[in-house]
């Protein structure tokens, strides 16, 4: 799969079959659409192209609204798309200026000039251009002039994609990573840098790596304890993860801390990717450190059980 990030240096695509969208999550609904453009590209002896955007358009159009939390960073999205046999991904730099193109210019100067599409697969309710004036009808009107075929993504598939995205976000917020992973078709991940923490875990006999997530728009799953796989460099380790406020220590700020099992390395400043497997329990304030230590010991036993089962599945 080829990845392009500069519209001024795109190659000449062969019988380009394109679709456009944010593809946040690259979940099962998106995967059906990807399969369709790959199928059409094969029939037309052409190349499949996913056109997506960075930053997410809503972050540019409504920067004051901080409620949007994304399932993927752009890099995570590109990595996921590479698993589904897409020929090309074009990450379009999204800006307010780009969003204010007249609809006709969007078609002629962006879609046609950049991709020379032979086939466009797009949502029946897709809107584009200044004031979102462009729509499927305009694309259909222009297809003879520019020589492309046009296919509408069925309403049912679009609704499935939208419902799946909403359900995935809600499931993650509730800590239900098993449901989120089922809807995604892959395990949810979170990437960050190991930073200095209060080292409470080390004092309790369960040293943890304190994770700082770089992207403020990345969705953090709900508070609780999780069984996770920890990707460090080229090795995958088992781990148990805590997202919460350390109530037994009267913590004031939310932390993300992972105890990597059978691991003893200094990794401050290093990058880790956490792969969520299953929720273990909700966060709880304990009356004593002894009770907390016992609970963490039980969490470890449960995490090992879950991850062992996962490895055998």
C-alpha atoms as a PDB file:
ATOM      1  CA  UNK A   1       0.000   0.000   0.000  1.00  0.00           C
ATOM      2  CA  UNK A   2       1.266   3.420  -0.954  1.00  0.00           C
ATOM      3  CA  UNK A   3       0.657   6.436   1.280  1.00  0.00           C
ATOM      4  CA  UNK A   4       0.650  10.030   0.036  1.00  0.00           C
ATOM      5  CA  UNK A   5       0.387  13.220   2.076  1.00  0.00           C
ATOM      6  CA  UNK A   6       1.044  15.918  -0.521  1.00  0.00           C
ATOM      7  CA  UNK A   7      -1.524  16.630  -3.226  1.00  0.00           C
ATOM      8  CA  UNK A   8       1.126  18.329  -5.356  1.00  0.00           C
ATOM      9  CA  UNK A   9       3.191  15.165  -5.715  1.00  0.00           C
ATOM     10  CA  UNK A  10       0.672  12.455  -6.484  1.00  0.00           C
ATOM     11  CA  UNK A  11       1.408   9.891  -9.191  1.00  0.00           C
ATOM     12  CA  UNK A  12      -0.872   9.251 -12.150  1.00  0.00           C
ATOM     13  CA  UNK A  13      -3.188   6.574 -10.835  1.00  0.00           C
ATOM     14  CA  UNK A  14      -4.364   3.774 -13.104  1.00  0.00           C
ATOM     15  CA  UNK A  15      -8.171   3.682 -13.460  1.00  0.00           C
ATOM     16  CA  UNK A  16      -8.540   5.166  -9.988  1.00  0.00           C
ATOM     17  CA  UNK A  17     -11.434   3.875  -7.881  1.00  0.00           C
ATOM     18  CA  UNK A  18     -11.810   6.299  -4.987  1.00  0.00           C
ATOM     19  CA  UNK A  19     -13.854   6.759  -1.871  1.00  0.00           C
ATOM     20  CA  UNK A  20     -13.644   9.594   0.624  1.00  0.00           C
ATOM     21  CA  UNK A  21     -14.127   9.673   4.378  1.00  0.00           C
ATOM     22  CA  UNK A  22     -12.603   9.973   7.817  1.00  0.00           C
ATOM     23  CA  UNK A  23     -12.538   6.177   8.385  1.00  0.00           C
ATOM     24  CA  UNK A  24     -12.141   6.690  12.120  1.00  0.00           C
ATOM     25  CA  UNK A  25     -11.712   3.269  13.706  1.00  0.00           C
ATOM     26  CA  UNK A  26     -11.477   1.360  10.403  1.00  0.00           C
ATOM     27  CA  UNK A  27     -14.211  -0.827  11.872  1.00  0.00           C
ATOM     28  CA  UNK A  28     -16.281  -3.611  10.309  1.00  0.00           C
ATOM     29  CA  UNK A  29     -18.595  -1.159   8.571  1.00  0.00           C
ATOM     30  CA  UNK A  30     -15.649   0.591   6.950  1.00  0.00           C
ATOM     31  CA  UNK A  31     -14.167  -2.776   6.026  1.00  0.00           C
ATOM     32  CA  UNK A  32     -17.239  -3.592   3.902  1.00  0.00           C
ATOM     33  CA  UNK A  33     -16.732  -0.351   1.993  1.00  0.00           C
ATOM     34  CA  UNK A  34     -13.027  -1.079   1.548  1.00  0.00           C
ATOM     35  CA  UNK A  35     -13.888  -4.522   0.173  1.00  0.00           C
ATOM     36  CA  UNK A  36     -16.247  -2.856  -2.324  1.00  0.00           C
ATOM     37  CA  UNK A  37     -13.697  -0.412  -3.761  1.00  0.00           C
ATOM     38  CA  UNK A  38     -11.128  -3.209  -3.964  1.00  0.00           C
ATOM     39  CA  UNK A  39     -13.684  -5.291  -5.854  1.00  0.00           C
ATOM     40  CA  UNK A  40     -14.488  -2.467  -8.280  1.00  0.00           C
ATOM     41  CA  UNK A  41     -10.785  -1.714  -8.812  1.00  0.00           C
ATOM     42  CA  UNK A  42     -10.185  -5.343  -9.726  1.00  0.00           C
ATOM     43  CA  UNK A  43     -13.100  -5.318 -12.188  1.00  0.00           C
ATOM     44  CA  UNK A  44     -11.767  -2.126 -13.812  1.00  0.00           C
ATOM     45  CA  UNK A  45      -8.141  -3.248 -13.784  1.00  0.00           C
ATOM     46  CA  UNK A  46      -7.444  -0.202 -11.657  1.00  0.00           C
ATOM     47  CA  UNK A  47      -6.229   0.985  -8.253  1.00  0.00           C
ATOM     48  CA  UNK A  48      -8.272   1.448  -5.090  1.00  0.00           C
ATOM     49  CA  UNK A  49      -7.737   4.762  -3.303  1.00  0.00           C
ATOM     50  CA  UNK A  50      -8.983   5.875   0.104  1.00  0.00           C
ATOM     51  CA  UNK A  51      -8.977   9.642   0.485  1.00  0.00           C
ATOM     52  CA  UNK A  52      -8.959  10.750   4.103  1.00  0.00           C
ATOM     53  CA  UNK A  53      -8.038  13.894   6.011  1.00  0.00           C
ATOM     54  CA  UNK A  54      -5.696  15.242   8.666  1.00  0.00           C
ATOM     55  CA  UNK A  55      -6.657  16.841  10.961  1.00  0.00           C
ATOM     56  CA  UNK A  56     -10.181  15.499  11.284  1.00  0.00           C
ATOM     57  CA  UNK A  57     -12.441  18.077   9.517  1.00  0.00           C
ATOM     58  CA  UNK A  58     -14.562  18.685  12.619  1.00  0.00           C
ATOM     59  CA  UNK A  59     -11.462  19.726  14.567  1.00  0.00           C
ATOM     60  CA  UNK A  60     -10.783  22.409  11.960  1.00  0.00           C
ATOM     61  CA  UNK A  61     -14.335  23.605  11.343  1.00  0.00           C
ATOM     62  CA  UNK A  62     -15.327  23.653  15.032  1.00  0.00           C
ATOM     63  CA  UNK A  63     -12.069  23.979  16.990  1.00  0.00           C
ATOM     64  CA  UNK A  64     -13.881  25.269  20.064  1.00  0.00           C
ATOM     65  CA  UNK A  65     -15.762  21.966  20.375  1.00  0.00           C
ATOM     66  CA  UNK A  66     -13.467  19.599  22.264  1.00  0.00           C
ATOM     67  CA  UNK A  67     -16.043  16.825  22.675  1.00  0.00           C
ATOM     68  CA  UNK A  68     -14.916  14.821  19.640  1.00  0.00           C
ATOM     69  CA  UNK A  69     -12.647  11.949  20.657  1.00  0.00           C
ATOM     70  CA  UNK A  70     -11.129   9.824  17.920  1.00  0.00           C
ATOM     71  CA  UNK A  71     -10.687   6.072  17.755  1.00  0.00           C
ATOM     72  CA  UNK A  72      -7.500   6.429  15.708  1.00  0.00           C
ATOM     73  CA  UNK A  73      -4.671   8.827  15.223  1.00  0.00           C
ATOM     74  CA  UNK A  74      -3.855   9.324  11.550  1.00  0.00           C
ATOM     75  CA  UNK A  75      -0.868   6.988  11.812  1.00  0.00           C
ATOM     76  CA  UNK A  76      -2.965   4.279  13.467  1.00  0.00           C
ATOM     77  CA  UNK A  77      -5.579   4.647  10.743  1.00  0.00           C
ATOM     78  CA  UNK A  78      -3.008   4.310   7.974  1.00  0.00           C
ATOM     79  CA  UNK A  79      -1.523   1.222   9.634  1.00  0.00           C
ATOM     80  CA  UNK A  80      -4.966  -0.379   9.910  1.00  0.00           C
ATOM     81  CA  UNK A  81      -5.864   0.395   6.304  1.00  0.00           C
ATOM     82  CA  UNK A  82      -2.694  -1.370   5.168  1.00  0.00           C
ATOM     83  CA  UNK A  83      -4.173  -4.645   6.451  1.00  0.00           C
ATOM     84  CA  UNK A  84      -7.143  -4.546   4.059  1.00  0.00           C
ATOM     85  CA  UNK A  85      -5.438  -4.680   0.658  1.00  0.00           C
ATOM     86  CA  UNK A  86      -6.045  -1.018  -0.245  1.00  0.00           C
ATOM     87  CA  UNK A  87      -3.707   0.048  -3.030  1.00  0.00           C
ATOM     88  CA  UNK A  88      -3.341   3.692  -1.993  1.00  0.00           C
ATOM     89  CA  UNK A  89      -4.188   6.014   0.888  1.00  0.00           C
ATOM     90  CA  UNK A  90      -4.071   9.765   0.354  1.00  0.00           C
ATOM     91  CA  UNK A  91      -4.030  11.834   3.557  1.00  0.00           C
ATOM     92  CA  UNK A  92      -5.265  15.277   2.526  1.00  0.00           C
ATOM     93  CA  UNK A  93      -4.057  18.201   4.667  1.00  0.00           C
ATOM     94  CA  UNK A  94      -7.370  19.651   5.805  1.00  0.00           C
ATOM     95  CA  UNK A  95      -7.674  23.384   6.396  1.00  0.00           C
ATOM     96  CA  UNK A  96     -10.414  25.967   6.586  1.00  0.00           C
ATOM     97  CA  UNK A  97      -9.327  27.162   3.145  1.00  0.00           C
ATOM     98  CA  UNK A  98      -9.777  23.664   1.732  1.00  0.00           C
ATOM     99  CA  UNK A  99     -13.258  23.481   3.250  1.00  0.00           C
ATOM    100  CA  UNK A 100     -14.251  26.767   1.602  1.00  0.00           C
ATOM    101  CA  UNK A 101     -13.681  25.677  -1.994  1.00  0.00           C
ATOM    102  CA  UNK A 102     -16.762  26.106  -4.132  1.00  0.00           C
ATOM    103  CA  UNK A 103     -18.387  22.731  -4.773  1.00  0.00           C
ATOM    104  CA  UNK A 104     -17.613  22.803  -8.505  1.00  0.00           C
ATOM    105  CA  UNK A 105     -13.959  23.618  -7.776  1.00  0.00           C
ATOM    106  CA  UNK A 106     -13.837  20.722  -5.303  1.00  0.00           C
ATOM    107  CA  UNK A 107     -14.783  18.385  -8.136  1.00  0.00           C
ATOM    108  CA  UNK A 108     -12.580  19.881 -10.872  1.00  0.00           C
ATOM    109  CA  UNK A 109      -9.535  21.076  -8.906  1.00  0.00           C
ATOM    110  CA  UNK A 110      -9.439  18.423  -6.188  1.00  0.00           C
ATOM    111  CA  UNK A 111     -11.110  15.185  -7.260  1.00  0.00           C
ATOM    112  CA  UNK A 112     -10.428  15.312 -11.002  1.00  0.00           C
ATOM    113  CA  UNK A 113      -7.057  17.080 -11.046  1.00  0.00           C
ATOM    114  CA  UNK A 114      -5.624  15.001  -8.202  1.00  0.00           C
ATOM    115  CA  UNK A 115      -7.023  11.565  -8.993  1.00  0.00           C
ATOM    116  CA  UNK A 116      -8.490  11.475 -12.527  1.00  0.00           C
ATOM    117  CA  UNK A 117     -11.011   8.980 -11.148  1.00  0.00           C
ATOM    118  CA  UNK A 118     -12.618   6.350 -13.325  1.00  0.00           C
ATOM    119  CA  UNK A 119     -15.013   5.393 -10.522  1.00  0.00           C
ATOM    120  CA  UNK A 120     -16.170   7.193  -7.382  1.00  0.00           C
ATOM    121  CA  UNK A 121     -17.916   5.403  -4.521  1.00  0.00           C
ATOM    122  CA  UNK A 122     -19.524   7.945  -2.221  1.00  0.00           C
ATOM    123  CA  UNK A 123     -22.320   8.238   0.312  1.00  0.00           C
ATOM    124  CA  UNK A 124     -25.712   9.228  -1.058  1.00  0.00           C
ATOM    125  CA  UNK A 125     -25.751  12.029   1.557  1.00  0.00           C
ATOM    126  CA  UNK A 126     -22.109  13.115   1.116  1.00  0.00           C
ATOM    127  CA  UNK A 127     -21.690  16.893   1.217  1.00  0.00           C
ATOM    128  CA  UNK A 128     -18.658  18.907   0.196  1.00  0.00           C
ATOM    129  CA  UNK A 129     -17.420  22.376  -0.694  1.00  0.00           C
ATOM    130  CA  UNK A 130     -18.257  25.776   0.727  1.00  0.00           C
ATOM    131  CA  UNK A 131     -21.344  25.740   2.926  1.00  0.00           C
ATOM    132  CA  UNK A 132     -21.568  22.010   2.109  1.00  0.00           C
ATOM    133  CA  UNK A 133     -23.277  22.965  -1.149  1.00  0.00           C
ATOM    134  CA  UNK A 134     -21.939  19.989  -3.120  1.00  0.00           C
ATOM    135  CA  UNK A 135     -23.769  16.678  -3.052  1.00  0.00           C
ATOM    136  CA  UNK A 136     -24.253  13.381  -4.846  1.00  0.00           C
ATOM    137  CA  UNK A 137     -26.537  15.030  -7.409  1.00  0.00           C
ATOM    138  CA  UNK A 138     -23.782  17.472  -8.414  1.00  0.00           C
ATOM    139  CA  UNK A 139     -21.251  14.653  -8.761  1.00  0.00           C
ATOM    140  CA  UNK A 140     -23.771  12.776 -10.885  1.00  0.00           C
ATOM    141  CA  UNK A 141     -24.365  15.850 -13.052  1.00  0.00           C
ATOM    142  CA  UNK A 142     -20.604  16.234 -13.692  1.00  0.00           C
ATOM    143  CA  UNK A 143     -19.741  12.597 -14.386  1.00  0.00           C
ATOM    144  CA  UNK A 144     -20.182  12.790 -18.167  1.00  0.00           C
ATOM    145  CA  UNK A 145     -18.021  15.930 -18.343  1.00  0.00           C
ATOM    146  CA  UNK A 146     -15.165  14.373 -16.378  1.00  0.00           C
ATOM    147  CA  UNK A 147     -15.542  10.765 -17.466  1.00  0.00           C
ATOM    148  CA  UNK A 148     -16.052   8.930 -14.199  1.00  0.00           C
ATOM    149  CA  UNK A 149     -18.655   6.445 -13.053  1.00  0.00           C
ATOM    150  CA  UNK A 150     -20.459   7.020  -9.775  1.00  0.00           C
ATOM    151  CA  UNK A 151     -21.829   4.649  -7.173  1.00  0.00           C
ATOM    152  CA  UNK A 152     -23.816   5.552  -4.060  1.00  0.00           C
ATOM    153  CA  UNK A 153     -22.956   3.837  -0.802  1.00  0.00           C
ATOM    154  CA  UNK A 154     -26.310   2.412   0.324  1.00  0.00           C
ATOM    155  CA  UNK A 155     -28.124   4.149   3.148  1.00  0.00           C
ATOM    156  CA  UNK A 156     -28.085   0.922   5.149  1.00  0.00           C
ATOM    157  CA  UNK A 157     -24.284   0.683   4.992  1.00  0.00           C
ATOM    158  CA  UNK A 158     -23.848   4.343   5.963  1.00  0.00           C
ATOM    159  CA  UNK A 159     -26.194   3.896   8.907  1.00  0.00           C
ATOM    160  CA  UNK A 160     -24.281   0.776   9.916  1.00  0.00           C
ATOM    161  CA  UNK A 161     -21.001   2.717   9.816  1.00  0.00           C
ATOM    162  CA  UNK A 162     -22.419   5.611  11.847  1.00  0.00           C
ATOM    163  CA  UNK A 163     -24.100   3.340  14.393  1.00  0.00           C
ATOM    164  CA  UNK A 164     -20.960   1.231  14.751  1.00  0.00           C
ATOM    165  CA  UNK A 165     -18.793   4.311  15.353  1.00  0.00           C
ATOM    166  CA  UNK A 166     -21.190   5.600  18.014  1.00  0.00           C
ATOM    167  CA  UNK A 167     -21.472   2.214  19.704  1.00  0.00           C
ATOM    168  CA  UNK A 168     -17.701   1.713  19.694  1.00  0.00           C
ATOM    169  CA  UNK A 169     -17.085   5.077  21.346  1.00  0.00           C
ATOM    170  CA  UNK A 170     -19.797   4.453  23.931  1.00  0.00           C
ATOM    171  CA  UNK A 171     -18.533   0.943  24.671  1.00  0.00           C
ATOM    172  CA  UNK A 172     -15.011   2.243  25.236  1.00  0.00           C
ATOM    173  CA  UNK A 173     -16.229   5.034  27.506  1.00  0.00           C
ATOM    174  CA  UNK A 174     -18.038   2.384  29.563  1.00  0.00           C
ATOM    175  CA  UNK A 175     -14.956   0.162  29.660  1.00  0.00           C
ATOM    176  CA  UNK A 176     -16.622  -2.505  27.533  1.00  0.00           C
ATOM    177  CA  UNK A 177     -13.584  -3.156  25.357  1.00  0.00           C
ATOM    178  CA  UNK A 178     -14.799  -6.654  24.434  1.00  0.00           C
ATOM    179  CA  UNK A 179     -17.820  -5.133  22.663  1.00  0.00           C
ATOM    180  CA  UNK A 180     -15.726  -2.357  21.112  1.00  0.00           C
ATOM    181  CA  UNK A 181     -13.201  -4.871  19.788  1.00  0.00           C
ATOM    182  CA  UNK A 182     -15.995  -6.997  18.320  1.00  0.00           C
ATOM    183  CA  UNK A 183     -17.427  -4.004  16.457  1.00  0.00           C
ATOM    184  CA  UNK A 184     -13.989  -2.831  15.351  1.00  0.00           C
ATOM    185  CA  UNK A 185     -12.914  -6.221  14.082  1.00  0.00           C
ATOM    186  CA  UNK A 186      -9.574  -5.648  15.805  1.00  0.00           C
ATOM    187  CA  UNK A 187      -8.388  -4.705  19.280  1.00  0.00           C
ATOM    188  CA  UNK A 188      -8.452  -1.072  20.377  1.00  0.00           C
ATOM    189  CA  UNK A 189      -5.038   0.469  20.994  1.00  0.00           C
ATOM    190  CA  UNK A 190      -3.609   3.433  22.842  1.00  0.00           C
ATOM    191  CA  UNK A 191      -0.098   4.776  22.284  1.00  0.00           C
ATOM    192  CA  UNK A 192       1.949   6.966  24.568  1.00  0.00           C
ATOM    193  CA  UNK A 193       5.294   7.844  26.098  1.00  0.00           C
ATOM    194  CA  UNK A 194       6.472   6.534  29.483  1.00  0.00           C
ATOM    195  CA  UNK A 195       6.867   9.437  31.920  1.00  0.00           C
ATOM    196  CA  UNK A 196       7.758   9.796  35.594  1.00  0.00           C
ATOM    197  CA  UNK A 197       4.882   9.107  37.952  1.00  0.00           C
ATOM    198  CA  UNK A 198       4.444   8.973  41.716  1.00  0.00           C
ATOM    199  CA  UNK A 199       5.836   5.412  41.776  1.00  0.00           C
ATOM    200  CA  UNK A 200       3.090   4.166  44.076  1.00  0.00           C
ATOM    201  CA  UNK A 201       2.985   0.893  42.164  1.00  0.00           C
ATOM    202  CA  UNK A 202       6.652   0.220  42.829  1.00  0.00           C
ATOM    203  CA  UNK A 203       6.103   0.793  46.561  1.00  0.00           C
ATOM    204  CA  UNK A 204       3.316  -1.795  46.473  1.00  0.00           C
ATOM    205  CA  UNK A 205       5.406  -4.385  44.643  1.00  0.00           C
ATOM    206  CA  UNK A 206       3.751  -3.811  41.262  1.00  0.00           C
ATOM    207  CA  UNK A 207       5.901  -1.278  39.369  1.00  0.00           C
ATOM    208  CA  UNK A 208       4.020   0.559  36.637  1.00  0.00           C
ATOM    209  CA  UNK A 209       4.885   2.577  33.560  1.00  0.00           C
ATOM    210  CA  UNK A 210       3.010   5.879  33.595  1.00  0.00           C
ATOM    211  CA  UNK A 211       1.727   6.606  30.083  1.00  0.00           C
ATOM    212  CA  UNK A 212       1.278  10.061  28.601  1.00  0.00           C
ATOM    213  CA  UNK A 213      -0.912   9.951  25.492  1.00  0.00           C
ATOM    214  CA  UNK A 214       0.372  12.412  22.916  1.00  0.00           C
ATOM    215  CA  UNK A 215      -2.849  13.077  20.995  1.00  0.00           C
ATOM    216  CA  UNK A 216      -5.375  15.038  23.101  1.00  0.00           C
ATOM    217  CA  UNK A 217      -8.183  13.974  20.745  1.00  0.00           C
ATOM    218  CA  UNK A 218      -7.597  10.244  21.237  1.00  0.00           C
ATOM    219  CA  UNK A 219     -10.405   8.484  23.102  1.00  0.00           C
ATOM    220  CA  UNK A 220      -9.322   7.108  26.492  1.00  0.00           C
ATOM    221  CA  UNK A 221     -11.395   4.108  27.642  1.00  0.00           C
ATOM    222  CA  UNK A 222     -13.380   4.358  30.862  1.00  0.00           C
ATOM    223  CA  UNK A 223     -11.910   4.245  34.347  1.00  0.00           C
ATOM    224  CA  UNK A 224     -11.003   0.754  35.523  1.00  0.00           C
ATOM    225  CA  UNK A 225      -8.528  -2.110  35.404  1.00  0.00           C
ATOM    226  CA  UNK A 226      -7.843  -3.918  32.119  1.00  0.00           C
ATOM    227  CA  UNK A 227      -5.951  -6.890  30.755  1.00  0.00           C
ATOM    228  CA  UNK A 228      -3.751  -5.592  27.943  1.00  0.00           C
ATOM    229  CA  UNK A 229      -0.970  -6.561  25.614  1.00  0.00           C
ATOM    230  CA  UNK A 230       1.954  -4.153  25.698  1.00  0.00           C
ATOM    231  CA  UNK A 231       3.909  -3.537  22.504  1.00  0.00           C
ATOM    232  CA  UNK A 232       7.435  -2.356  23.266  1.00  0.00           C
ATOM    233  CA  UNK A 233       9.808  -2.113  20.333  1.00  0.00           C
ATOM    234  CA  UNK A 234       9.461  -5.476  18.557  1.00  0.00           C
ATOM    235  CA  UNK A 235       8.186  -7.490  21.528  1.00  0.00           C
ATOM    236  CA  UNK A 236       4.687  -7.998  22.930  1.00  0.00           C
ATOM    237  CA  UNK A 237       4.273  -8.435  26.695  1.00  0.00           C
ATOM    238  CA  UNK A 238       1.302  -9.200  28.898  1.00  0.00           C
ATOM    239  CA  UNK A 239       0.153  -6.474  31.237  1.00  0.00           C
ATOM    240  CA  UNK A 240      -2.543  -5.094  33.498  1.00  0.00           C
ATOM    241  CA  UNK A 241      -3.560  -1.501  33.050  1.00  0.00           C
ATOM    242  CA  UNK A 242      -5.125   1.011  35.403  1.00  0.00           C
ATOM    243  CA  UNK A 243      -6.983   4.083  34.150  1.00  0.00           C
ATOM    244  CA  UNK A 244      -8.172   6.236  37.016  1.00  0.00           C
ATOM    245  CA  UNK A 245      -7.432   8.516  39.931  1.00  0.00           C
ATOM    246  CA  UNK A 246      -5.703   6.221  42.449  1.00  0.00           C
ATOM    247  CA  UNK A 247      -8.451   6.840  45.045  1.00  0.00           C
ATOM    248  CA  UNK A 248      -6.678   4.885  47.782  1.00  0.00           C
ATOM    249  CA  UNK A 249      -3.891   7.477  47.511  1.00  0.00           C
ATOM    250  CA  UNK A 250      -6.409  10.339  47.105  1.00  0.00           C
ATOM    251  CA  UNK A 251      -5.169  11.043  43.597  1.00  0.00           C
ATOM    252  CA  UNK A 252      -6.361  14.262  41.987  1.00  0.00           C
ATOM    253  CA  UNK A 253      -5.463  13.672  38.351  1.00  0.00           C
ATOM    254  CA  UNK A 254      -6.338  10.797  36.034  1.00  0.00           C
ATOM    255  CA  UNK A 255      -3.421   8.524  35.231  1.00  0.00           C
ATOM    256  CA  UNK A 256      -2.802   5.678  32.809  1.00  0.00           C
ATOM    257  CA  UNK A 257      -0.460   3.127  34.371  1.00  0.00           C
ATOM    258  CA  UNK A 258       0.525  -0.296  33.104  1.00  0.00           C
ATOM    259  CA  UNK A 259       2.209  -3.083  35.037  1.00  0.00           C
ATOM    260  CA  UNK A 260       4.124  -5.087  32.425  1.00  0.00           C
ATOM    261  CA  UNK A 261       4.356  -8.699  33.544  1.00  0.00           C
ATOM    262  CA  UNK A 262       7.765 -10.401  33.658  1.00  0.00           C
ATOM    263  CA  UNK A 263       9.490  -7.163  32.683  1.00  0.00           C
ATOM    264  CA  UNK A 264      12.250  -5.175  34.367  1.00  0.00           C
ATOM    265  CA  UNK A 265      13.699  -2.452  32.162  1.00  0.00           C
ATOM    266  CA  UNK A 266      14.138   1.292  32.473  1.00  0.00           C
ATOM    267  CA  UNK A 267      11.875   2.619  29.704  1.00  0.00           C
ATOM    268  CA  UNK A 268      11.353   6.273  30.661  1.00  0.00           C
ATOM    269  CA  UNK A 269      10.911   8.289  27.482  1.00  0.00           C
ATOM    270  CA  UNK A 270      10.117   5.198  25.428  1.00  0.00           C
ATOM    271  CA  UNK A 271       6.971   4.630  23.364  1.00  0.00           C
ATOM    272  CA  UNK A 272       4.478   1.897  24.278  1.00  0.00           C
ATOM    273  CA  UNK A 273       1.337   0.737  22.509  1.00  0.00           C
ATOM    274  CA  UNK A 274      -1.376  -0.723  24.732  1.00  0.00           C
ATOM    275  CA  UNK A 275      -3.708  -3.238  23.117  1.00  0.00           C
ATOM    276  CA  UNK A 276      -6.930  -3.598  25.108  1.00  0.00           C
ATOM    277  CA  UNK A 277      -8.164  -7.158  25.595  1.00  0.00           C
ATOM    278  CA  UNK A 278     -10.702  -7.172  28.427  1.00  0.00           C
ATOM    279  CA  UNK A 279     -12.059  -5.151  31.335  1.00  0.00           C
ATOM    280  CA  UNK A 280     -11.264  -6.652  34.750  1.00  0.00           C
ATOM    281  CA  UNK A 281     -12.960  -4.440  37.343  1.00  0.00           C
ATOM    282  CA  UNK A 282     -13.961  -0.913  38.272  1.00  0.00           C
ATOM    283  CA  UNK A 283     -11.651   1.361  40.253  1.00  0.00           C
ATOM    284  CA  UNK A 284     -12.228   1.252  43.993  1.00  0.00           C
ATOM    285  CA  UNK A 285     -10.948   3.061  47.062  1.00  0.00           C
ATOM    286  CA  UNK A 286      -9.596   0.562  49.609  1.00  0.00           C
ATOM    287  CA  UNK A 287      -9.462   1.088  53.357  1.00  0.00           C
ATOM    288  CA  UNK A 288      -5.835  -0.009  53.620  1.00  0.00           C
ATOM    289  CA  UNK A 289      -2.757  -0.613  51.480  1.00  0.00           C
ATOM    290  CA  UNK A 290      -2.958  -4.295  52.413  1.00  0.00           C
ATOM    291  CA  UNK A 291      -6.415  -4.550  50.821  1.00  0.00           C
ATOM    292  CA  UNK A 292      -5.146  -2.711  47.740  1.00  0.00           C
ATOM    293  CA  UNK A 293      -2.143  -5.033  47.389  1.00  0.00           C
ATOM    294  CA  UNK A 294      -4.406  -8.069  47.687  1.00  0.00           C
ATOM    295  CA  UNK A 295      -6.765  -6.665  45.032  1.00  0.00           C
ATOM    296  CA  UNK A 296      -3.887  -5.957  42.645  1.00  0.00           C
ATOM    297  CA  UNK A 297      -2.629  -9.509  43.185  1.00  0.00           C
ATOM    298  CA  UNK A 298      -6.056 -10.812  42.210  1.00  0.00           C
ATOM    299  CA  UNK A 299      -6.068  -8.473  39.201  1.00  0.00           C
ATOM    300  CA  UNK A 300      -2.771  -9.983  38.098  1.00  0.00           C
ATOM    301  CA  UNK A 301      -4.132 -13.517  38.361  1.00  0.00           C
ATOM    302  CA  UNK A 302      -7.199 -12.515  36.335  1.00  0.00           C
ATOM    303  CA  UNK A 303      -5.117 -10.684  33.723  1.00  0.00           C
ATOM    304  CA  UNK A 304      -2.903 -13.740  33.247  1.00  0.00           C
ATOM    305  CA  UNK A 305      -5.992 -15.959  32.891  1.00  0.00           C
ATOM    306  CA  UNK A 306      -7.557 -13.643  30.288  1.00  0.00           C
ATOM    307  CA  UNK A 307      -4.353 -13.189  28.300  1.00  0.00           C
ATOM    308  CA  UNK A 308      -3.535 -16.893  28.375  1.00  0.00           C
ATOM    309  CA  UNK A 309      -7.002 -17.669  27.014  1.00  0.00           C
ATOM    310  CA  UNK A 310      -6.565 -14.950  24.394  1.00  0.00           C
ATOM    311  CA  UNK A 311      -3.272 -16.465  23.254  1.00  0.00           C
ATOM    312  CA  UNK A 312      -4.893 -19.890  22.856  1.00  0.00           C
ATOM    313  CA  UNK A 313      -8.011 -18.639  21.069  1.00  0.00           C
END
